[in-house]
Each structure stands twice: as C-alpha cells, then as structure tokens.
Amino acid sequence: MTNPRLALALMAADALPAAGRVLVIGGSPGLSDLPKERTVVVQAFRPDHDTLAAQGWTVVPDLAAAAGDFAAAVVFLPRSRAAARAAVAEAARRVAAGGPVWIDGQKTDGIDPMLKDLRARTAVSAPVAKAHGKIFRFDAGTSFDDWRAADISPAPGFVTRPGVFSAEKVDPGSVLLAAALPERMPARVADLGAGWGWLSAQVLTRHGVAELHLVEADHAALACARRNIADPRARFHWADATRFRPEARLDAVVTNPPFHAGRAADPALGAAFIAAAAGMLAPAGRLWMVANRHLPYEAVLARHFHEVAEIGGDGAFKLFAAARPAARPLAAAAPAPRRRR
C-alpha cells in the first residue's frame, strides 16, 4: 500500500537525505515509499501500530520512545489542530537543522490552515495536491516550541492532552452513563474504550468493585488515564477493545464506544464493542452502555444478550442495560473496522 502524495513528493532528488534516520509521526499503513530500514514510526493507535509492526516497520507508541535525532521527518496530520501543531513542533525539534520536514494531510484534517500557519513562520515548498489533500516540506531550523503540547484540564483532578477524544471536557454521554450506574456494582469490571479515565473513575466510586480494567486503543489517552487514576484496583490495557480478552471472564462491562470511521458515522464500530463485551462476560454478566440516539444498536444487543432494556437518556443519547450474554468462547474476535471517535 502506498500514499499517493508521499510517493510523488519522494520522487524529488532531495526529498530525503541519503543517510540518517527518518521520523514518521502518525503513520498508518501506506508508508511503502519510505526506507523501512532507517524509519521510526510513531503510532499511538493500537490497531495501526500492530499492522505496521507486522509489516516489519520499527514502530513506537509515542515520541518519548523514539530516542535520538533524525535526518528527516514526515508528519501525517491528525484532525485536532492543537495535536497537529504539537506534532510539527516535535518533528522540527528532532530533525537536524536543514533536514526536510514533510507535512501531509487531507483537506478535512486542516492541511490548508497548517500550510498558511507555516508559511507565516518559515519557507515552505510548493505543495503537491492529490487525493483531496496536500503534502509540502520545510527545512528544520525554525523553532516551534510555542506549539508544543501542554496539559489540558477538562474536569477537576483530571488532565488530558491535545488530540485525545473529548480532551476539552467530559463527554456528555459518559456523564449520563455514570449517573445511571447502580451504587453497587459487580466485582470484576471493564471499561471498553476508557479514554482518559473519567468514566472509569466514576465506576471506582461504586461499592463492590474489586478490579477495573481500562481498555483503550489510543496510547496517549491511556497515558492520561494512568495519570488520572491512582487507585490500585485499576488495570490499564493498551489494546483494541474489540480484540481484548481478559484472563478470566468479567462480571460487568461499561462502555461509551466510538462510532466514527474517519468523519462518517459507522454503527459497525459500536456493534463490535457489544460483541466483544458479550464475549468477555460471565454467564450472569452485565453490560451498561451509552450510544448516540440515532445509532441502531437494539438488534445487535438482542443478538448478544438475553435481556436488554433501554434505561434512559436524553435527546442526544440513549442508555442500555443488558444481561446474560449469549454463549461465546473466550477467544480473540475478528478485527473490527478502523475506528475513531
């Protein structure tokens, strides 16, 4: 698989230095035009991380794990403007002065505002436009330290970082779900898609909870959750929730699942979370779930649980409680569709 814009850009004789390591930030499958033997890919999203690793790339979950300096960098823009700026700042810091820093992104990911912002601060190459996006470069040497990521405080006692889901405030669906949880809950619980840990923290206030597994595919969000929750009952798992399997069956699952593939709503994502929850629960296990009101999860819940009830919500969200999962083996499920909040 190849990235058509990157392939075109790298055709230039001076696109990359002949020697030295290449840093890729946000890389997903589609890097075949880069020199694999000297490329380090930073990928925080577990399914993409694992795919790249299986293809033989050197891939790490965060910049802290990408030690040393680099001769060049390629930044694939995330949708968050603050996260995109932070990625550019880190690339500029890591690449030796004069080395190329390539910026690639879709129009819907903010490539045009980024091009404008960079042109105001440094010399930028003519962009290559293709497939509803652009790629361009600047030469390292300009400081972008004012763009580096800083902690965000979305709620008292919690921190997040740019680019994680609901970084600026607690997700209203999670607020509704937390209010609907019983005062006493079963002993062994998982939060699928735990994000930066707000909902998990509310679960840990319930009587009866002996251990809570926070399962999250975004390494940056899970790192925030580790900072936000010091409770010894918490277990943290950087994992694709649709494929996560605990060592033993759980008594309960709570989830506010993602429902976007790119920018399009995709009910298959929530459906995969429901199937995964049923597969990891004990025969008497229970599921509590919040979903956007327009998403049709009722039939999926009915296929995977013998008891299903809508227990509240508002104009935007609906809440479900389900119990007694249909018999499923405790084994790895098929991969779910690529998902983003």
Protein backbone atom coordinates (compact mmCIF):
# COMPACT_ATOMS: atom_id res chain seq x y z
CA MET A 1 0.00 0.00 0.00
CA THR A 2 1.25 3.49 -0.83
CA ASN A 3 0.33 7.09 -0.07
CA PRO A 4 -0.03 8.79 -3.49
CA ARG A 5 1.01 12.25 -2.27
CA LEU A 6 4.02 10.93 -0.40
CA ALA A 7 5.06 8.83 -3.39
CA LEU A 8 5.01 11.91 -5.63
CA ALA A 9 6.87 14.07 -3.13
CA LEU A 10 9.62 11.50 -2.63
CA MET A 11 10.37 11.37 -6.34
CA ALA A 12 12.40 14.58 -5.96
CA ALA A 13 16.15 14.02 -5.72
CA ASP A 14 16.46 15.95 -2.45
CA ALA A 15 13.28 14.63 -0.84
CA LEU A 16 15.17 12.68 1.82
CA PRO A 17 18.84 12.59 2.86
CA ALA A 18 20.72 9.53 1.61
CA ALA A 19 21.64 8.59 5.17
CA GLY A 20 20.23 9.09 8.65
CA ARG A 21 17.02 8.05 10.33
CA VAL A 22 13.55 9.19 9.24
CA LEU A 23 10.91 10.02 11.85
CA VAL A 24 7.28 9.41 10.91
CA ILE A 25 4.62 10.84 13.21
CA GLY A 26 1.11 9.45 12.87
CA GLY A 27 1.99 6.94 10.23
CA SER A 28 -0.57 4.34 9.21
CA PRO A 29 -0.36 1.56 6.64
CA GLY A 30 0.74 3.23 3.39
CA LEU A 31 4.42 4.02 4.00
CA SER A 32 5.98 1.74 1.41
CA ASP A 33 7.87 4.56 -0.33
CA LEU A 34 9.95 5.30 2.79
CA PRO A 35 13.21 3.47 3.59
CA LYS A 36 11.98 0.87 6.07
CA GLU A 37 15.43 0.01 7.41
CA ARG A 38 16.01 3.55 8.77
CA THR A 39 12.48 4.74 9.55
CA VAL A 40 10.92 5.00 13.02
CA VAL A 41 7.14 5.34 13.06
CA VAL A 42 5.27 6.89 15.99
CA GLN A 43 1.76 5.42 16.04
CA ALA A 44 -0.40 5.63 19.16
CA PHE A 45 -3.49 3.86 17.76
CA ARG A 46 -3.05 0.19 18.63
CA PRO A 47 -4.58 -1.44 15.52
CA ASP A 48 -2.43 0.67 13.17
CA HIS A 49 0.62 0.17 15.41
CA ASP A 50 0.22 -3.59 15.25
CA THR A 51 -0.35 -3.60 11.47
CA LEU A 52 2.82 -1.60 10.89
CA ALA A 53 4.83 -3.81 13.24
CA ALA A 54 3.58 -6.91 11.40
CA GLN A 55 4.81 -5.34 8.14
CA GLY A 56 8.31 -5.03 9.59
CA TRP A 57 8.40 -1.33 10.45
CA THR A 58 10.09 -0.04 13.59
CA VAL A 59 7.07 1.41 15.35
CA VAL A 60 6.72 3.01 18.80
CA PRO A 61 3.65 4.32 20.66
CA ASP A 62 4.92 7.81 21.49
CA LEU A 63 7.70 10.28 20.83
CA ALA A 64 9.39 9.51 24.14
CA ALA A 65 10.14 6.04 22.76
CA ALA A 66 11.63 7.47 19.56
CA ALA A 67 15.02 8.27 21.05
CA GLY A 68 17.77 10.21 19.31
CA ASP A 69 17.98 12.61 16.41
CA PHE A 70 16.74 12.26 12.85
CA ALA A 71 17.78 13.40 9.39
CA ALA A 72 14.19 13.91 8.16
CA ALA A 73 10.59 13.63 9.27
CA VAL A 74 7.14 13.04 7.83
CA VAL A 75 4.13 14.27 9.79
CA PHE A 76 0.66 12.95 8.94
CA LEU A 77 -1.76 15.49 10.34
CA PRO A 78 -4.35 14.45 12.91
CA ARG A 79 -7.72 16.19 12.92
CA SER A 80 -7.01 18.15 16.12
CA ARG A 81 -5.32 21.47 15.31
CA ALA A 82 -3.51 21.53 18.65
CA ALA A 83 -2.28 17.96 18.17
CA ALA A 84 -1.18 18.75 14.62
CA ARG A 85 0.82 21.75 15.79
CA ALA A 86 2.40 19.69 18.55
CA ALA A 87 3.45 17.03 16.04
CA VAL A 88 5.05 19.65 13.79
CA ALA A 89 6.87 21.17 16.77
CA GLU A 90 8.28 17.81 17.83
CA ALA A 91 9.36 16.96 14.28
CA ALA A 92 11.15 20.30 13.96
CA ARG A 93 12.95 19.70 17.27
CA ARG A 94 14.07 16.18 16.36
CA VAL A 95 15.35 16.78 12.81
CA ALA A 96 18.87 18.14 12.31
CA ALA A 97 19.00 21.73 11.05
CA GLY A 98 18.42 21.85 7.31
CA GLY A 99 16.79 18.42 7.18
CA PRO A 100 13.39 18.14 5.48
CA VAL A 101 10.17 18.01 7.48
CA TRP A 102 7.30 16.82 5.29
CA ILE A 103 3.69 17.62 6.23
CA ASP A 104 0.89 15.54 4.70
CA GLY A 105 -2.84 15.76 5.28
CA GLN A 106 -6.33 15.77 3.90
CA LYS A 107 -8.27 18.99 3.42
CA THR A 108 -10.70 17.73 6.07
CA ASP A 109 -7.79 17.35 8.50
CA GLY A 110 -6.77 21.00 8.21
CA ILE A 111 -3.87 20.84 5.76
CA ASP A 112 -4.68 24.26 4.26
CA PRO A 113 -4.70 26.15 7.61
CA MET A 114 -1.47 24.36 8.54
CA LEU A 115 0.14 25.45 5.26
CA LYS A 116 -0.92 29.05 5.94
CA ASP A 117 0.40 28.93 9.51
CA LEU A 118 3.76 27.50 8.44
CA ARG A 119 4.21 30.00 5.62
CA ALA A 120 3.91 32.76 8.20
CA ARG A 121 6.89 31.34 10.11
CA THR A 122 9.27 29.68 7.67
CA ALA A 123 9.93 28.97 3.99
CA VAL A 124 7.68 26.21 2.66
CA SER A 125 7.91 24.26 -0.60
CA ALA A 126 5.22 24.37 -3.24
CA PRO A 127 2.57 21.87 -2.13
CA VAL A 128 1.76 18.73 -4.08
CA ALA A 129 -2.02 18.33 -4.25
CA LYS A 130 -3.61 14.92 -4.82
CA ALA A 131 -6.44 12.77 -3.50
CA HIS A 132 -8.18 15.61 -1.63
CA GLY A 133 -5.06 16.57 0.28
CA LYS A 134 -1.62 18.17 0.08
CA ILE A 135 1.97 17.48 1.03
CA PHE A 136 4.77 20.01 1.38
CA ARG A 137 8.03 20.49 3.27
CA PHE A 138 10.07 22.97 5.23
CA ASP A 139 13.67 22.67 6.37
CA ALA A 140 14.27 22.16 10.09
CA GLY A 141 15.87 25.03 11.92
CA THR A 142 12.87 27.17 12.89
CA SER A 143 11.63 26.73 16.46
CA PHE A 144 8.00 25.85 17.03
CA ASP A 145 8.30 25.38 20.78
CA ASP A 146 5.20 27.54 21.35
CA TRP A 147 3.25 24.83 19.50
CA ARG A 148 4.35 22.00 21.79
CA ALA A 149 1.61 20.09 23.60
CA ALA A 150 0.52 21.16 27.06
CA ASP A 151 -1.78 19.56 29.60
CA ILE A 152 -5.49 20.32 29.39
CA SER A 153 -7.76 20.25 32.47
CA PRO A 154 -11.21 19.06 31.34
CA ALA A 155 -12.50 18.47 34.88
CA PRO A 156 -11.15 18.99 38.42
CA GLY A 157 -8.40 16.46 39.12
CA PHE A 158 -8.09 15.26 35.51
CA VAL A 159 -5.61 16.01 32.73
CA THR A 160 -5.74 15.30 29.02
CA ARG A 161 -3.55 16.06 26.03
CA PRO A 162 -4.35 17.56 22.61
CA GLY A 163 -5.89 15.10 20.19
CA VAL A 164 -7.42 12.61 22.63
CA PHE A 165 -11.18 12.14 22.46
CA SER A 166 -13.13 14.80 24.36
CA ALA A 167 -9.92 16.46 25.54
CA GLU A 168 -11.57 19.75 26.49
CA LYS A 169 -14.49 18.48 28.58
CA VAL A 170 -16.13 15.33 29.87
CA ASP A 171 -18.17 13.64 27.15
CA PRO A 172 -21.89 14.19 27.90
CA GLY A 173 -22.69 10.57 27.05
CA SER A 174 -20.27 9.40 29.72
CA VAL A 175 -21.91 11.77 32.21
CA LEU A 176 -25.32 10.23 31.51
CA LEU A 177 -23.97 6.70 31.76
CA ALA A 178 -22.20 7.38 35.05
CA ALA A 179 -25.40 8.77 36.56
CA ALA A 180 -27.28 5.62 35.54
CA LEU A 181 -24.85 3.13 37.08
CA PRO A 182 -26.04 1.44 40.28
CA GLU A 183 -24.48 2.30 43.63
CA ARG A 184 -23.30 -1.31 43.96
CA MET A 185 -21.65 -2.99 41.00
CA PRO A 186 -20.13 -6.42 40.40
CA ALA A 187 -16.55 -7.14 41.41
CA ARG A 188 -14.69 -7.50 38.10
CA VAL A 189 -15.46 -4.75 35.60
CA ALA A 190 -14.02 -3.47 32.30
CA ASP A 191 -14.39 -0.05 30.70
CA LEU A 192 -14.09 -0.60 26.96
CA GLY A 193 -12.80 2.50 25.21
CA ALA A 194 -11.83 4.03 28.54
CA GLY A 195 -10.24 7.16 27.07
CA TRP A 196 -8.59 9.40 29.66
CA GLY A 197 -10.40 7.69 32.51
CA TRP A 198 -13.28 9.89 33.67
CA LEU A 199 -15.96 7.18 33.41
CA SER A 200 -13.63 4.63 34.97
CA ALA A 201 -13.09 6.94 37.92
CA GLN A 202 -16.85 7.05 38.45
CA VAL A 203 -17.06 3.24 38.33
CA LEU A 204 -14.41 3.05 41.04
CA THR A 205 -16.65 5.06 43.37
CA ARG A 206 -19.27 2.26 43.32
CA HIS A 207 -19.45 -0.25 46.12
CA GLY A 208 -18.37 -3.80 45.30
CA VAL A 209 -15.85 -3.06 42.56
CA ALA A 210 -12.72 -5.10 43.24
CA GLU A 211 -10.87 -4.55 39.96
CA LEU A 212 -11.43 -2.39 36.90
CA HIS A 213 -9.80 -2.97 33.51
CA LEU A 214 -9.35 0.19 31.45
CA VAL A 215 -9.09 -0.86 27.80
CA GLU A 216 -8.11 1.86 25.33
CA ALA A 217 -6.57 1.79 21.83
CA ASP A 218 -5.18 5.35 21.98
CA HIS A 219 -1.85 5.23 23.81
CA ALA A 220 -1.96 8.97 24.57
CA ALA A 221 -5.42 8.73 26.13
CA LEU A 222 -4.40 5.73 28.22
CA ALA A 223 -1.31 7.60 29.42
CA CYS A 224 -3.65 10.33 30.66
CA ALA A 225 -5.80 7.72 32.39
CA ARG A 226 -2.74 6.42 34.21
CA ARG A 227 -2.10 9.93 35.49
CA ASN A 228 -5.74 10.48 36.41
CA ILE A 229 -6.37 7.23 38.29
CA ALA A 230 -4.07 6.11 41.10
CA ASP A 231 -6.49 3.54 42.50
CA PRO A 232 -4.72 0.16 42.92
CA ARG A 233 -7.84 -1.63 41.64
CA ALA A 234 -7.26 -0.15 38.17
CA ARG A 235 -5.61 -2.26 35.45
CA PHE A 236 -4.54 -0.47 32.27
CA HIS A 237 -4.53 -2.14 28.85
CA TRP A 238 -3.32 -0.52 25.63
CA ALA A 239 -5.45 -2.66 23.36
CA ASP A 240 -8.08 -2.78 20.67
CA ALA A 241 -11.22 -3.22 22.77
CA THR A 242 -12.84 -5.41 20.11
CA ARG A 243 -9.99 -7.93 20.45
CA PHE A 244 -9.14 -7.60 24.14
CA ARG A 245 -9.66 -10.74 26.18
CA PRO A 246 -9.17 -10.75 29.97
CA GLU A 247 -7.53 -13.66 31.72
CA ALA A 248 -10.90 -14.71 33.13
CA ARG A 249 -14.47 -13.75 32.38
CA LEU A 250 -15.70 -10.44 33.79
CA ASP A 251 -18.82 -9.65 35.80
CA ALA A 252 -19.62 -6.36 34.08
CA VAL A 253 -18.66 -4.05 31.23
CA VAL A 254 -19.32 -0.34 30.83
CA THR A 255 -18.73 1.39 27.53
CA ASN A 256 -19.18 4.61 25.63
CA PRO A 257 -17.99 3.22 22.31
CA PRO A 258 -16.64 5.22 19.36
CA PHE A 259 -18.88 5.47 16.35
CA HIS A 260 -16.88 7.15 13.58
CA ALA A 261 -14.76 5.74 10.78
CA GLY A 262 -12.96 8.90 9.74
CA ARG A 263 -15.75 11.50 9.73
CA ALA A 264 -18.63 9.16 8.86
CA ALA A 265 -20.84 7.56 11.49
CA ASP A 266 -20.44 3.78 11.40
CA PRO A 267 -22.72 1.65 13.59
CA ALA A 268 -20.45 -1.35 12.96
CA LEU A 269 -17.97 0.11 15.45
CA GLY A 270 -20.38 0.09 18.37
CA ALA A 271 -21.65 -3.30 17.26
CA ALA A 272 -18.11 -4.68 17.52
CA PHE A 273 -17.84 -3.33 21.08
CA ILE A 274 -21.14 -5.03 22.00
CA ALA A 275 -19.95 -8.35 20.58
CA ALA A 276 -16.63 -8.02 22.40
CA ALA A 277 -18.37 -7.25 25.69
CA ALA A 278 -20.60 -10.32 25.35
CA GLY A 279 -17.55 -12.46 24.62
CA MET A 280 -15.68 -11.48 27.76
CA LEU A 281 -18.56 -11.59 30.26
CA ALA A 282 -19.51 -14.41 32.60
CA PRO A 283 -22.91 -16.10 32.03
CA ALA A 284 -24.57 -13.75 34.53
CA GLY A 285 -22.56 -10.74 33.38
CA ARG A 286 -24.00 -7.30 32.75
CA LEU A 287 -23.36 -4.51 30.24
CA TRP A 288 -24.08 -0.81 30.68
CA MET A 289 -23.73 1.25 27.51
CA VAL A 290 -24.42 4.73 26.15
CA ALA A 291 -24.93 5.43 22.46
CA ASN A 292 -25.95 8.31 20.24
CA ARG A 293 -29.69 8.16 19.81
CA HIS A 294 -29.62 7.77 16.03
CA LEU A 295 -27.44 4.64 16.08
CA PRO A 296 -29.40 1.35 15.71
CA TYR A 297 -27.89 -0.92 18.36
CA GLU A 298 -31.08 -2.55 19.68
CA ALA A 299 -30.97 -5.54 17.30
CA VAL A 300 -27.26 -6.07 17.94
CA LEU A 301 -27.79 -6.07 21.69
CA ALA A 302 -30.66 -8.53 21.31
CA ARG A 303 -28.43 -10.92 19.35
CA HIS A 304 -25.74 -10.92 22.01
CA PHE A 305 -27.75 -10.69 25.26
CA HIS A 306 -30.83 -12.46 26.54
CA GLU A 307 -32.00 -9.40 28.49
CA VAL A 308 -31.88 -5.88 27.07
CA ALA A 309 -33.52 -2.70 28.35
CA GLU A 310 -33.28 0.98 27.48
CA ILE A 311 -32.82 2.68 30.84
CA GLY A 312 -32.83 6.37 30.00
CA GLY A 313 -31.01 9.06 28.09
CA ASP A 314 -31.89 12.41 26.55
CA GLY A 315 -32.45 13.89 23.12
CA ALA A 316 -28.90 13.07 22.01
CA PHE A 317 -28.13 9.78 23.80
CA LYS A 318 -29.77 6.55 24.87
CA LEU A 319 -28.68 4.27 27.70
CA PHE A 320 -28.86 0.48 27.69
CA ALA A 321 -28.53 -2.22 30.31
CA ALA A 322 -28.06 -5.78 29.09
CA ALA A 323 -27.55 -9.06 30.93
CA ARG A 324 -26.97 -12.76 30.40
CA PRO A 325 -24.76 -12.77 27.29
CA ALA A 326 -25.31 -15.40 24.65
CA ALA A 327 -22.69 -18.15 24.96
CA ARG A 328 -19.43 -17.18 23.29
CA PRO A 329 -15.94 -18.65 23.62
CA LEU A 330 -13.39 -16.50 25.43
CA ALA A 331 -11.14 -16.14 22.38
CA ALA A 332 -9.86 -13.37 20.12
CA ALA A 333 -12.52 -11.92 17.86
CA ALA A 334 -12.17 -10.88 14.23
CA PRO A 335 -10.73 -7.40 13.77
CA ALA A 336 -13.31 -4.61 13.91
CA PRO A 337 -13.45 -1.81 11.37
CA ARG A 338 -10.94 1.03 11.80
CA ARG A 339 -12.45 3.33 14.37
CA ARG A 340 -12.19 6.86 15.59
CA ARG A 341 -14.43 8.78 17.95
